[in-house]
Amino acid sequence: MKRQMEIFLGFVFVMVFSTVSTGFGQVTSATVGIAGLSCPFCAYGLEKQLKKLDGVGEVKIQVNKGLAELMVKKEGSIAVEQVSDAVKKAGFTPKEITITAIGHVGEIKGLPSFEVSDEVSEIDIIFLLDENAQFEKLKKALKREQTKVKVTGKIHKEIQEGHSGHPYTIVVQSFEIL
């Protein structure tokens, strides 16, 4: 049984880090908090930087709330790791980022994960999942492997021991089984 699990995890590792998109899902939107955003003119410069990102279609800036909402282009995906860099390039400080993504829940090296195929870069991205109460509800709602799930949650950069993939963890706020 142990040998079968090692073979399975090796297969998952190869599939996840291959350069062929498997069509599991995408990051469909991202909302980023922006420190120092105070005027519409500043918001325009930030919007220009964010619209340069691959996969970003529409950008809505809420100056009074200090938020930027990024919506994906049709059949695309937002490269989350580039959002903070774009905010900094526009002269602001990024705060927390909340994403909505479609993918499937899995496990890698004993850690719960959320696997998303990034259609823009044609690689699979693995987010670790924070094991909070919403995650527990999600686990109970899943009926079978490879079930598509829409997850919304805050992400934070965290490199966990034994996780050689994407350095972000999602704290699940809500989910929908698709």
N, C-alpha and C. Protein backbone atom coordinates (compact mmCIF):
# COMPACT_ATOMS: atom_id res chain seq x y z
N MET A 1 0.83 -1.19 0.00
CA MET A 1 0.00 0.00 0.00
C MET A 1 0.87 1.26 0.00
N LYS A 2 1.94 1.23 0.84
CA LYS A 2 2.83 2.38 0.90
C LYS A 2 3.48 2.64 -0.45
N ARG A 3 3.90 1.57 -1.12
CA ARG A 3 4.53 1.70 -2.44
C ARG A 3 3.54 2.30 -3.45
N GLN A 4 2.28 1.86 -3.40
CA GLN A 4 1.27 2.40 -4.31
C GLN A 4 1.07 3.89 -4.06
N MET A 5 1.08 4.31 -2.79
CA MET A 5 0.92 5.72 -2.46
C MET A 5 2.11 6.52 -2.97
N GLU A 6 3.33 5.99 -2.85
CA GLU A 6 4.51 6.68 -3.36
C GLU A 6 4.44 6.84 -4.87
N ILE A 7 3.99 5.80 -5.56
CA ILE A 7 3.84 5.88 -7.02
C ILE A 7 2.79 6.91 -7.38
N PHE A 8 1.65 6.89 -6.65
CA PHE A 8 0.58 7.85 -6.91
C PHE A 8 1.07 9.28 -6.70
N LEU A 9 1.75 9.55 -5.57
CA LEU A 9 2.25 10.90 -5.30
C LEU A 9 3.29 11.33 -6.33
N GLY A 10 4.12 10.39 -6.77
CA GLY A 10 5.08 10.71 -7.83
C GLY A 10 4.38 11.09 -9.12
N PHE A 11 3.31 10.37 -9.45
CA PHE A 11 2.51 10.67 -10.63
C PHE A 11 1.87 12.05 -10.51
N VAL A 12 1.30 12.35 -9.34
CA VAL A 12 0.67 13.65 -9.11
C VAL A 12 1.71 14.75 -9.27
N PHE A 13 2.90 14.54 -8.71
CA PHE A 13 3.96 15.54 -8.79
C PHE A 13 4.32 15.83 -10.25
N VAL A 14 4.48 14.78 -11.04
CA VAL A 14 4.81 14.94 -12.47
C VAL A 14 3.68 15.66 -13.20
N MET A 15 2.44 15.27 -12.93
CA MET A 15 1.30 15.89 -13.61
C MET A 15 1.16 17.37 -13.23
N VAL A 16 1.37 17.69 -11.98
CA VAL A 16 1.18 19.05 -11.51
C VAL A 16 2.24 19.98 -12.07
N PHE A 17 3.46 19.51 -12.17
CA PHE A 17 4.53 20.39 -12.62
C PHE A 17 4.86 20.25 -14.09
N SER A 18 4.03 19.54 -14.84
CA SER A 18 4.25 19.47 -16.28
C SER A 18 3.81 20.79 -16.92
N THR A 19 4.20 21.01 -18.15
CA THR A 19 3.88 22.27 -18.80
C THR A 19 2.61 22.18 -19.64
N VAL A 20 1.90 21.10 -19.55
CA VAL A 20 0.66 20.97 -20.31
C VAL A 20 -0.51 21.25 -19.37
N SER A 21 -1.38 22.15 -19.77
CA SER A 21 -2.54 22.47 -18.95
C SER A 21 -3.55 21.34 -19.00
N THR A 22 -4.06 20.95 -17.84
CA THR A 22 -5.03 19.87 -17.78
C THR A 22 -6.47 20.37 -17.74
N GLY A 23 -6.67 21.67 -17.72
CA GLY A 23 -8.01 22.21 -17.78
C GLY A 23 -8.81 22.10 -16.50
N PHE A 24 -8.16 21.92 -15.36
CA PHE A 24 -8.89 21.83 -14.11
C PHE A 24 -9.55 23.15 -13.76
N GLY A 25 -8.94 24.28 -14.04
CA GLY A 25 -9.54 25.54 -13.65
C GLY A 25 -8.67 26.73 -13.90
N GLN A 26 -8.99 27.78 -13.15
CA GLN A 26 -8.28 29.04 -13.35
C GLN A 26 -8.51 29.95 -12.16
N VAL A 27 -7.64 30.95 -12.01
CA VAL A 27 -7.88 32.02 -11.07
C VAL A 27 -8.75 33.02 -11.81
N THR A 28 -10.00 33.19 -11.36
CA THR A 28 -10.97 34.01 -12.10
C THR A 28 -11.02 35.46 -11.67
N SER A 29 -10.63 35.73 -10.43
CA SER A 29 -10.60 37.12 -9.96
C SER A 29 -9.66 37.23 -8.77
N ALA A 30 -9.21 38.45 -8.54
CA ALA A 30 -8.36 38.74 -7.39
C ALA A 30 -8.72 40.12 -6.88
N THR A 31 -8.77 40.28 -5.59
CA THR A 31 -8.98 41.58 -4.97
C THR A 31 -7.79 41.83 -4.07
N VAL A 32 -7.14 42.98 -4.27
CA VAL A 32 -5.95 43.30 -3.48
C VAL A 32 -6.18 44.60 -2.73
N GLY A 33 -5.83 44.58 -1.44
CA GLY A 33 -5.86 45.80 -0.65
C GLY A 33 -4.66 46.65 -1.00
N ILE A 34 -4.86 47.97 -1.06
CA ILE A 34 -3.80 48.89 -1.46
C ILE A 34 -3.61 49.93 -0.37
N ALA A 35 -2.43 49.99 0.19
CA ALA A 35 -2.10 51.03 1.18
C ALA A 35 -1.63 52.28 0.44
N GLY A 36 -2.11 53.43 0.86
CA GLY A 36 -1.66 54.69 0.30
C GLY A 36 -2.48 55.19 -0.88
N LEU A 37 -3.56 54.53 -1.21
CA LEU A 37 -4.41 54.95 -2.33
C LEU A 37 -5.37 56.02 -1.84
N SER A 38 -5.25 57.24 -2.39
CA SER A 38 -6.08 58.33 -1.85
C SER A 38 -6.76 59.22 -2.89
N CYS A 39 -6.38 59.11 -4.16
CA CYS A 39 -7.01 60.01 -5.13
C CYS A 39 -7.27 59.28 -6.46
N PRO A 40 -8.26 59.76 -7.22
CA PRO A 40 -8.58 59.13 -8.51
C PRO A 40 -7.42 59.14 -9.50
N PHE A 41 -6.60 60.18 -9.47
CA PHE A 41 -5.47 60.23 -10.40
C PHE A 41 -4.48 59.11 -10.10
N CYS A 42 -4.24 58.87 -8.80
CA CYS A 42 -3.35 57.76 -8.40
C CYS A 42 -3.96 56.42 -8.82
N ALA A 43 -5.28 56.32 -8.68
CA ALA A 43 -5.97 55.09 -9.04
C ALA A 43 -5.80 54.79 -10.53
N TYR A 44 -5.78 55.83 -11.35
CA TYR A 44 -5.61 55.64 -12.79
C TYR A 44 -4.25 55.01 -13.10
N GLY A 45 -3.18 55.49 -12.44
CA GLY A 45 -1.85 54.92 -12.65
C GLY A 45 -1.78 53.47 -12.19
N LEU A 46 -2.44 53.15 -11.07
CA LEU A 46 -2.49 51.78 -10.58
C LEU A 46 -3.25 50.89 -11.56
N GLU A 47 -4.37 51.39 -12.05
CA GLU A 47 -5.19 50.62 -13.00
C GLU A 47 -4.38 50.29 -14.25
N LYS A 48 -3.61 51.25 -14.76
CA LYS A 48 -2.78 51.01 -15.94
C LYS A 48 -1.78 49.88 -15.69
N GLN A 49 -1.14 49.88 -14.52
CA GLN A 49 -0.16 48.83 -14.20
C GLN A 49 -0.84 47.46 -14.10
N LEU A 50 -1.99 47.41 -13.46
CA LEU A 50 -2.68 46.13 -13.26
C LEU A 50 -3.22 45.57 -14.58
N LYS A 51 -3.65 46.44 -15.49
CA LYS A 51 -4.16 45.98 -16.78
C LYS A 51 -3.06 45.40 -17.67
N LYS A 52 -1.81 45.68 -17.36
CA LYS A 52 -0.69 45.13 -18.12
C LYS A 52 -0.46 43.65 -17.81
N LEU A 53 -1.00 43.17 -16.71
CA LEU A 53 -0.78 41.78 -16.31
C LEU A 53 -1.48 40.81 -17.25
N ASP A 54 -0.81 39.70 -17.54
CA ASP A 54 -1.41 38.65 -18.36
C ASP A 54 -2.69 38.16 -17.70
N GLY A 55 -3.72 38.02 -18.51
CA GLY A 55 -4.97 37.45 -18.02
C GLY A 55 -5.94 38.46 -17.45
N VAL A 56 -5.49 39.67 -17.12
CA VAL A 56 -6.37 40.66 -16.52
C VAL A 56 -7.18 41.35 -17.61
N GLY A 57 -8.50 41.31 -17.45
CA GLY A 57 -9.39 41.97 -18.40
C GLY A 57 -9.83 43.32 -17.87
N GLU A 58 -10.63 43.28 -16.82
CA GLU A 58 -11.18 44.50 -16.24
C GLU A 58 -10.57 44.74 -14.86
N VAL A 59 -10.36 46.01 -14.53
CA VAL A 59 -9.86 46.40 -13.22
C VAL A 59 -10.82 47.45 -12.66
N LYS A 60 -11.28 47.22 -11.44
CA LYS A 60 -12.13 48.19 -10.73
C LYS A 60 -11.38 48.65 -9.49
N ILE A 61 -11.17 49.96 -9.38
CA ILE A 61 -10.48 50.53 -8.24
C ILE A 61 -11.50 51.22 -7.34
N GLN A 62 -11.48 50.88 -6.06
CA GLN A 62 -12.33 51.54 -5.07
C GLN A 62 -11.42 52.36 -4.17
N VAL A 63 -11.25 53.63 -4.53
CA VAL A 63 -10.31 54.50 -3.82
C VAL A 63 -10.69 54.60 -2.34
N ASN A 64 -11.98 54.80 -2.05
CA ASN A 64 -12.42 54.99 -0.66
C ASN A 64 -12.19 53.75 0.21
N LYS A 65 -12.14 52.57 -0.38
CA LYS A 65 -11.90 51.33 0.38
C LYS A 65 -10.45 50.84 0.26
N GLY A 66 -9.70 51.46 -0.64
CA GLY A 66 -8.31 51.03 -0.84
C GLY A 66 -8.22 49.64 -1.43
N LEU A 67 -9.08 49.35 -2.43
CA LEU A 67 -9.13 48.02 -3.04
C LEU A 67 -9.02 48.10 -4.55
N ALA A 68 -8.42 47.09 -5.13
CA ALA A 68 -8.40 46.93 -6.58
C ALA A 68 -8.93 45.53 -6.87
N GLU A 69 -9.96 45.45 -7.71
CA GLU A 69 -10.53 44.16 -8.10
C GLU A 69 -10.14 43.88 -9.55
N LEU A 70 -9.55 42.71 -9.76
CA LEU A 70 -9.10 42.31 -11.08
C LEU A 70 -9.98 41.17 -11.57
N MET A 71 -10.53 41.31 -12.75
CA MET A 71 -11.36 40.28 -13.36
C MET A 71 -10.59 39.68 -14.53
N VAL A 72 -10.74 38.39 -14.71
CA VAL A 72 -10.00 37.67 -15.72
C VAL A 72 -10.60 37.88 -17.11
N LYS A 73 -9.73 37.82 -18.11
CA LYS A 73 -10.20 37.79 -19.50
C LYS A 73 -10.86 36.44 -19.73
N LYS A 74 -11.77 36.39 -20.68
CA LYS A 74 -12.42 35.12 -21.00
C LYS A 74 -11.35 34.10 -21.41
N GLU A 75 -11.47 32.88 -20.88
CA GLU A 75 -10.55 31.78 -21.16
C GLU A 75 -9.13 32.06 -20.69
N GLY A 76 -8.97 32.92 -19.69
CA GLY A 76 -7.64 33.21 -19.18
C GLY A 76 -7.56 32.97 -17.69
N SER A 77 -6.47 33.41 -17.11
CA SER A 77 -6.25 33.26 -15.68
C SER A 77 -5.31 34.36 -15.23
N ILE A 78 -5.48 34.82 -14.00
CA ILE A 78 -4.63 35.87 -13.45
C ILE A 78 -3.42 35.23 -12.78
N ALA A 79 -2.25 35.72 -13.09
CA ALA A 79 -1.02 35.25 -12.46
C ALA A 79 -0.88 35.97 -11.12
N VAL A 80 -1.32 35.32 -10.06
CA VAL A 80 -1.39 35.93 -8.73
C VAL A 80 -0.05 36.49 -8.27
N GLU A 81 1.02 35.76 -8.55
CA GLU A 81 2.33 36.19 -8.08
C GLU A 81 2.78 37.52 -8.68
N GLN A 82 2.15 37.96 -9.76
CA GLN A 82 2.54 39.21 -10.40
C GLN A 82 1.74 40.41 -9.88
N VAL A 83 0.65 40.16 -9.16
CA VAL A 83 -0.22 41.24 -8.70
C VAL A 83 0.52 42.17 -7.73
N SER A 84 1.16 41.62 -6.72
CA SER A 84 1.90 42.44 -5.74
C SER A 84 2.98 43.27 -6.41
N ASP A 85 3.69 42.67 -7.35
CA ASP A 85 4.76 43.40 -8.06
C ASP A 85 4.19 44.58 -8.84
N ALA A 86 3.04 44.40 -9.48
CA ALA A 86 2.42 45.48 -10.25
C ALA A 86 1.99 46.62 -9.33
N VAL A 87 1.45 46.28 -8.16
CA VAL A 87 1.03 47.31 -7.20
C VAL A 87 2.25 48.11 -6.74
N LYS A 88 3.34 47.42 -6.44
CA LYS A 88 4.57 48.10 -6.02
C LYS A 88 5.12 48.98 -7.13
N LYS A 89 5.06 48.49 -8.35
CA LYS A 89 5.56 49.25 -9.50
C LYS A 89 4.77 50.54 -9.70
N ALA A 90 3.49 50.51 -9.31
CA ALA A 90 2.64 51.70 -9.41
C ALA A 90 2.88 52.67 -8.25
N GLY A 91 3.74 52.27 -7.29
CA GLY A 91 4.09 53.17 -6.19
C GLY A 91 3.28 52.96 -4.92
N PHE A 92 2.62 51.82 -4.81
CA PHE A 92 1.78 51.55 -3.63
C PHE A 92 2.26 50.30 -2.91
N THR A 93 1.72 50.09 -1.73
CA THR A 93 2.04 48.91 -0.95
C THR A 93 0.86 47.95 -0.99
N PRO A 94 1.08 46.73 -1.50
CA PRO A 94 -0.01 45.76 -1.53
C PRO A 94 -0.28 45.22 -0.13
N LYS A 95 -1.56 45.02 0.16
CA LYS A 95 -1.96 44.39 1.42
C LYS A 95 -2.47 43.00 1.07
N GLU A 96 -3.42 42.49 1.80
CA GLU A 96 -3.86 41.11 1.54
C GLU A 96 -4.58 40.97 0.21
N ILE A 97 -4.43 39.78 -0.35
CA ILE A 97 -5.04 39.45 -1.64
C ILE A 97 -6.05 38.34 -1.41
N THR A 98 -7.24 38.53 -1.98
CA THR A 98 -8.28 37.50 -1.96
C THR A 98 -8.49 37.05 -3.39
N ILE A 99 -8.51 35.75 -3.61
CA ILE A 99 -8.72 35.23 -4.96
C ILE A 99 -9.97 34.37 -5.01
N THR A 100 -10.50 34.24 -6.20
CA THR A 100 -11.51 33.23 -6.50
C THR A 100 -10.90 32.39 -7.61
N ALA A 101 -10.91 31.08 -7.41
CA ALA A 101 -10.27 30.18 -8.37
C ALA A 101 -11.10 28.91 -8.52
N ILE A 102 -10.97 28.31 -9.69
CA ILE A 102 -11.62 27.03 -9.96
C ILE A 102 -10.53 26.00 -10.12
N GLY A 103 -10.66 24.91 -9.42
CA GLY A 103 -9.67 23.85 -9.48
C GLY A 103 -10.17 22.63 -8.76
N HIS A 104 -9.25 21.86 -8.20
CA HIS A 104 -9.68 20.70 -7.42
C HIS A 104 -8.78 20.53 -6.20
N VAL A 105 -9.38 19.96 -5.18
CA VAL A 105 -8.67 19.73 -3.93
C VAL A 105 -7.89 18.43 -4.06
N GLY A 106 -6.69 18.45 -3.57
CA GLY A 106 -5.86 17.25 -3.60
C GLY A 106 -4.96 17.21 -2.39
N GLU A 107 -3.91 16.47 -2.53
CA GLU A 107 -2.94 16.35 -1.45
C GLU A 107 -1.58 16.17 -2.09
N ILE A 108 -0.62 16.88 -1.57
CA ILE A 108 0.74 16.71 -2.05
C ILE A 108 1.66 16.61 -0.84
N LYS A 109 2.40 15.53 -0.80
CA LYS A 109 3.32 15.25 0.31
C LYS A 109 2.62 15.36 1.66
N GLY A 110 1.40 14.86 1.71
CA GLY A 110 0.65 14.84 2.96
C GLY A 110 -0.03 16.14 3.34
N LEU A 111 0.10 17.15 2.50
CA LEU A 111 -0.50 18.45 2.79
C LEU A 111 -1.71 18.68 1.89
N PRO A 112 -2.81 19.24 2.43
CA PRO A 112 -3.97 19.53 1.59
C PRO A 112 -3.62 20.64 0.59
N SER A 113 -4.05 20.44 -0.64
CA SER A 113 -3.70 21.41 -1.68
C SER A 113 -4.90 21.74 -2.54
N PHE A 114 -4.78 22.83 -3.28
CA PHE A 114 -5.78 23.24 -4.26
C PHE A 114 -5.03 23.44 -5.55
N GLU A 115 -5.36 22.65 -6.56
CA GLU A 115 -4.63 22.66 -7.81
C GLU A 115 -5.42 23.39 -8.88
N VAL A 116 -4.76 24.35 -9.50
CA VAL A 116 -5.37 25.21 -10.50
C VAL A 116 -4.51 25.20 -11.75
N SER A 117 -5.12 24.99 -12.90
CA SER A 117 -4.38 25.09 -14.16
C SER A 117 -4.43 26.53 -14.62
N ASP A 118 -3.27 27.14 -14.74
CA ASP A 118 -3.17 28.51 -15.21
C ASP A 118 -3.12 28.47 -16.74
N GLU A 119 -4.23 28.84 -17.37
CA GLU A 119 -4.32 28.78 -18.83
C GLU A 119 -3.39 29.78 -19.51
N VAL A 120 -3.02 30.85 -18.80
CA VAL A 120 -2.15 31.86 -19.39
C VAL A 120 -0.74 31.33 -19.54
N SER A 121 -0.17 30.81 -18.46
CA SER A 121 1.20 30.32 -18.50
C SER A 121 1.28 28.84 -18.83
N GLU A 122 0.13 28.18 -18.95
CA GLU A 122 0.02 26.77 -19.29
C GLU A 122 0.76 25.87 -18.31
N ILE A 123 0.73 26.23 -17.03
CA ILE A 123 1.27 25.36 -16.00
C ILE A 123 0.25 25.22 -14.88
N ASP A 124 0.35 24.14 -14.15
CA ASP A 124 -0.52 23.94 -13.01
C ASP A 124 0.11 24.59 -11.79
N ILE A 125 -0.73 25.22 -10.99
CA ILE A 125 -0.28 25.88 -9.77
C ILE A 125 -0.89 25.14 -8.60
N ILE A 126 -0.09 24.89 -7.58
CA ILE A 126 -0.60 24.25 -6.38
C ILE A 126 -0.55 25.25 -5.24
N PHE A 127 -1.72 25.54 -4.68
CA PHE A 127 -1.81 26.33 -3.47
C PHE A 127 -1.98 25.35 -2.32
N LEU A 128 -1.34 25.60 -1.20
CA LEU A 128 -1.64 24.82 -0.02
C LEU A 128 -2.95 25.35 0.55
N LEU A 129 -3.67 24.51 1.29
CA LEU A 129 -4.92 24.94 1.92
C LEU A 129 -4.73 25.00 3.42
N ASP A 130 -5.13 26.13 3.99
CA ASP A 130 -5.11 26.28 5.43
C ASP A 130 -6.25 25.43 6.01
N GLU A 131 -5.96 24.64 7.00
CA GLU A 131 -6.96 23.72 7.54
C GLU A 131 -7.83 24.42 8.59
N ASN A 132 -8.69 25.33 8.11
CA ASN A 132 -9.61 26.04 8.99
C ASN A 132 -11.00 25.38 8.93
N ALA A 133 -11.99 25.99 9.57
CA ALA A 133 -13.35 25.42 9.63
C ALA A 133 -13.97 25.31 8.23
N GLN A 134 -13.76 26.29 7.38
CA GLN A 134 -14.31 26.24 6.01
C GLN A 134 -13.68 25.11 5.21
N PHE A 135 -12.39 24.90 5.40
CA PHE A 135 -11.72 23.79 4.72
C PHE A 135 -12.33 22.46 5.15
N GLU A 136 -12.61 22.31 6.44
CA GLU A 136 -13.23 21.08 6.94
C GLU A 136 -14.59 20.85 6.29
N LYS A 137 -15.38 21.93 6.13
CA LYS A 137 -16.68 21.83 5.46
C LYS A 137 -16.49 21.42 3.99
N LEU A 138 -15.48 21.98 3.36
CA LEU A 138 -15.18 21.65 1.96
C LEU A 138 -14.83 20.17 1.84
N LYS A 139 -13.97 19.67 2.73
CA LYS A 139 -13.60 18.25 2.69
C LYS A 139 -14.83 17.35 2.80
N LYS A 140 -15.74 17.70 3.69
CA LYS A 140 -16.94 16.89 3.89
C LYS A 140 -17.86 16.95 2.67
N ALA A 141 -17.86 18.09 1.96
CA ALA A 141 -18.74 18.26 0.80
C ALA A 141 -18.24 17.53 -0.44
N LEU A 142 -16.95 17.23 -0.49
CA LEU A 142 -16.39 16.55 -1.66
C LEU A 142 -16.83 15.10 -1.70
N LYS A 143 -17.33 14.68 -2.84
CA LYS A 143 -17.81 13.31 -3.00
C LYS A 143 -16.77 12.39 -3.62
N ARG A 144 -15.90 12.95 -4.48
CA ARG A 144 -14.94 12.11 -5.18
C ARG A 144 -13.71 12.93 -5.56
N GLU A 145 -12.65 12.24 -5.94
CA GLU A 145 -11.43 12.90 -6.41
C GLU A 145 -11.73 13.67 -7.70
N GLN A 146 -10.95 14.69 -7.95
CA GLN A 146 -11.01 15.46 -9.19
C GLN A 146 -12.31 16.24 -9.37
N THR A 147 -13.08 16.45 -8.31
CA THR A 147 -14.28 17.26 -8.37
C THR A 147 -13.87 18.72 -8.51
N LYS A 148 -14.46 19.41 -9.49
CA LYS A 148 -14.17 20.83 -9.65
C LYS A 148 -14.82 21.61 -8.51
N VAL A 149 -14.06 22.56 -8.00
CA VAL A 149 -14.51 23.38 -6.89
C VAL A 149 -14.15 24.83 -7.17
N LYS A 150 -15.06 25.73 -6.84
CA LYS A 150 -14.77 27.17 -6.90
C LYS A 150 -14.51 27.62 -5.47
N VAL A 151 -13.31 28.14 -5.22
CA VAL A 151 -12.89 28.53 -3.88
C VAL A 151 -12.58 30.02 -3.87
N THR A 152 -13.04 30.69 -2.82
CA THR A 152 -12.67 32.08 -2.57
C THR A 152 -11.97 32.12 -1.23
N GLY A 153 -10.82 32.77 -1.20
CA GLY A 153 -10.08 32.86 0.04
C GLY A 153 -8.91 33.81 -0.03
N LYS A 154 -8.45 34.18 1.15
CA LYS A 154 -7.29 35.05 1.25
C LYS A 154 -6.05 34.19 1.06
N ILE A 155 -5.08 34.77 0.37
CA ILE A 155 -3.83 34.04 0.18
C ILE A 155 -2.72 34.74 0.94
N HIS A 156 -1.78 33.95 1.36
CA HIS A 156 -0.58 34.53 1.95
C HIS A 156 0.60 33.68 1.52
N LYS A 157 1.72 34.36 1.38
CA LYS A 157 2.93 33.68 0.93
C LYS A 157 3.53 32.94 2.12
N GLU A 158 3.72 31.66 1.93
CA GLU A 158 4.24 30.83 3.00
C GLU A 158 4.88 29.60 2.38
N ILE A 159 6.14 29.45 2.58
CA ILE A 159 6.81 28.27 2.06
C ILE A 159 6.86 27.25 3.18
N GLN A 160 6.12 26.17 3.01
CA GLN A 160 6.07 25.13 4.03
C GLN A 160 7.10 24.06 3.72
N GLU A 161 7.63 23.49 4.78
CA GLU A 161 8.59 22.41 4.62
C GLU A 161 7.95 21.26 3.85
N GLY A 162 8.64 20.77 2.87
CA GLY A 162 8.14 19.66 2.08
C GLY A 162 7.28 20.09 0.89
N HIS A 163 7.02 21.38 0.77
CA HIS A 163 6.20 21.87 -0.35
C HIS A 163 7.12 22.59 -1.32
N SER A 164 7.36 21.98 -2.46
CA SER A 164 8.30 22.55 -3.42
C SER A 164 7.60 23.29 -4.54
N GLY A 165 6.30 23.48 -4.43
CA GLY A 165 5.54 24.14 -5.49
C GLY A 165 5.32 25.60 -5.20
N HIS A 166 4.14 26.05 -5.49
CA HIS A 166 3.72 27.44 -5.35
C HIS A 166 3.78 27.87 -3.89
N PRO A 167 4.33 29.04 -3.59
CA PRO A 167 4.54 29.43 -2.19
C PRO A 167 3.34 30.08 -1.51
N TYR A 168 2.14 29.94 -2.05
CA TYR A 168 0.97 30.57 -1.46
C TYR A 168 0.06 29.56 -0.78
N THR A 169 -0.53 30.00 0.33
CA THR A 169 -1.53 29.22 1.04
C THR A 169 -2.85 29.96 0.93
N ILE A 170 -3.94 29.23 0.69
CA ILE A 170 -5.27 29.82 0.65
C ILE A 170 -5.98 29.53 1.97
N VAL A 171 -6.52 30.58 2.57
CA VAL A 171 -7.39 30.44 3.73
C VAL A 171 -8.81 30.51 3.17
N VAL A 172 -9.46 29.36 3.08
CA VAL A 172 -10.77 29.26 2.43
C VAL A 172 -11.81 30.07 3.20
N GLN A 173 -12.50 30.96 2.47
CA GLN A 173 -13.60 31.73 3.05
C GLN A 173 -14.95 31.17 2.61
N SER A 174 -15.01 30.74 1.35
CA SER A 174 -16.23 30.14 0.83
C SER A 174 -15.87 29.21 -0.32
N PHE A 175 -16.81 28.33 -0.67
CA PHE A 175 -16.58 27.40 -1.77
C PHE A 175 -17.91 27.00 -2.39
N GLU A 176 -17.80 26.48 -3.60
CA GLU A 176 -18.96 25.97 -4.32
C GLU A 176 -18.50 24.73 -5.11
N ILE A 177 -19.18 23.61 -4.92
CA ILE A 177 -18.87 22.41 -5.69
C ILE A 177 -19.50 22.58 -7.07
N LEU A 178 -18.72 22.40 -8.11
CA LEU A 178 -19.22 22.62 -9.48
C LEU A 178 -19.58 21.30 -10.14
